[in-house]
Amino acid sequence: MPRNLRIRVDHDVCVGNAMCEAIAPKVFQLNDNRQSEAVDPGAETLEKILEAAENCPVSAIFVEDADTGEQLFP
């Protein structure tokens, strides 16, 4: 059973380079301010979401299990 994920992007840090969108385009999209938004956390595998978070050049993406609160990244 897939995990129920909560993904947060820190807009005070995000520079909008869109690496996350390139890796997981079903999950991440740039908003009108050219900053990433998590639009559908269930649209990709946990592994792909973690890959996108790990490749964020400014570490603006936070991933946690929405049911348990366990922080999965960073």
Protein backbone atom coordinates (compact mmCIF):
# COMPACT_ATOMS: atom_id res chain seq x y z
CA MET A 1 0.00 0.00 0.00
CA PRO A 2 1.48 3.38 -0.97
CA ARG A 3 2.17 5.92 1.73
CA ASN A 4 0.00 8.99 2.14
CA LEU A 5 2.56 11.78 1.68
CA ARG A 6 2.66 15.41 2.67
CA ILE A 7 5.06 17.50 0.58
CA ARG A 8 5.97 21.06 1.50
CA VAL A 9 8.04 23.48 -0.54
CA ASP A 10 9.65 26.33 1.40
CA HIS A 11 8.93 29.35 -0.79
CA ASP A 12 11.40 31.47 1.19
CA VAL A 13 14.12 29.19 -0.20
CA CYS A 14 12.83 27.90 -3.57
CA VAL A 15 14.60 29.50 -6.54
CA GLY A 16 12.41 27.88 -9.20
CA ASN A 17 15.04 25.97 -11.15
CA ALA A 18 12.38 23.27 -11.81
CA MET A 19 14.63 20.25 -11.19
CA CYS A 20 11.81 18.68 -9.16
CA GLU A 21 9.37 19.25 -12.00
CA ALA A 22 11.78 17.62 -14.47
CA ILE A 23 12.11 14.53 -12.24
CA ALA A 24 8.48 14.21 -11.08
CA PRO A 25 6.28 16.36 -13.38
CA LYS A 26 3.04 14.78 -12.18
CA VAL A 27 3.81 15.87 -8.62
CA PHE A 28 5.54 19.25 -8.97
CA GLN A 29 4.62 22.32 -11.01
CA LEU A 30 5.90 25.87 -10.98
CA ASN A 31 3.37 28.43 -9.79
CA ASP A 32 2.91 31.97 -11.14
CA ASN A 33 5.89 33.11 -9.06
CA ARG A 34 8.09 30.41 -10.67
CA GLN A 35 8.28 28.47 -7.44
CA SER A 36 7.54 24.81 -7.07
CA GLU A 37 4.22 23.51 -5.75
CA ALA A 38 3.34 19.92 -4.91
CA VAL A 39 0.12 19.47 -6.85
CA ASP A 40 -0.43 15.71 -6.55
CA PRO A 41 1.70 13.84 -3.98
CA GLY A 42 0.07 10.54 -4.94
CA ALA A 43 0.96 10.76 -8.62
CA GLU A 44 4.47 9.27 -8.33
CA THR A 45 6.34 6.70 -6.33
CA LEU A 46 7.97 7.61 -3.05
CA GLU A 47 11.34 6.89 -4.65
CA LYS A 48 10.71 9.40 -7.46
CA ILE A 49 9.50 12.07 -5.02
CA LEU A 50 12.55 11.56 -2.82
CA GLU A 51 14.79 11.79 -5.89
CA ALA A 52 13.19 15.13 -6.76
CA ALA A 53 13.63 16.40 -3.20
CA GLU A 54 17.25 15.22 -3.04
CA ASN A 55 18.03 17.02 -6.31
CA CYS A 56 16.65 20.37 -5.20
CA PRO A 57 19.72 22.65 -5.27
CA VAL A 58 18.53 24.69 -2.28
CA SER A 59 16.90 21.88 -0.22
CA ALA A 60 13.48 23.53 -0.31
CA ILE A 61 11.42 20.32 -0.43
CA PHE A 62 10.25 18.50 2.68
CA VAL A 63 8.53 15.11 2.54
CA GLU A 64 6.72 13.38 5.38
CA ASP A 65 4.31 10.54 5.92
CA ALA A 66 0.96 12.28 6.38
CA ASP A 67 -0.44 9.49 8.56
CA THR A 68 2.44 9.09 11.01
CA GLY A 69 4.24 12.44 10.76
CA GLU A 70 7.51 10.63 10.05
CA GLN A 71 9.88 12.95 8.20
CA LEU A 72 11.15 11.15 5.10
CA PHE A 73 13.25 13.98 3.67
CA PRO A 74 15.49 15.64 4.65
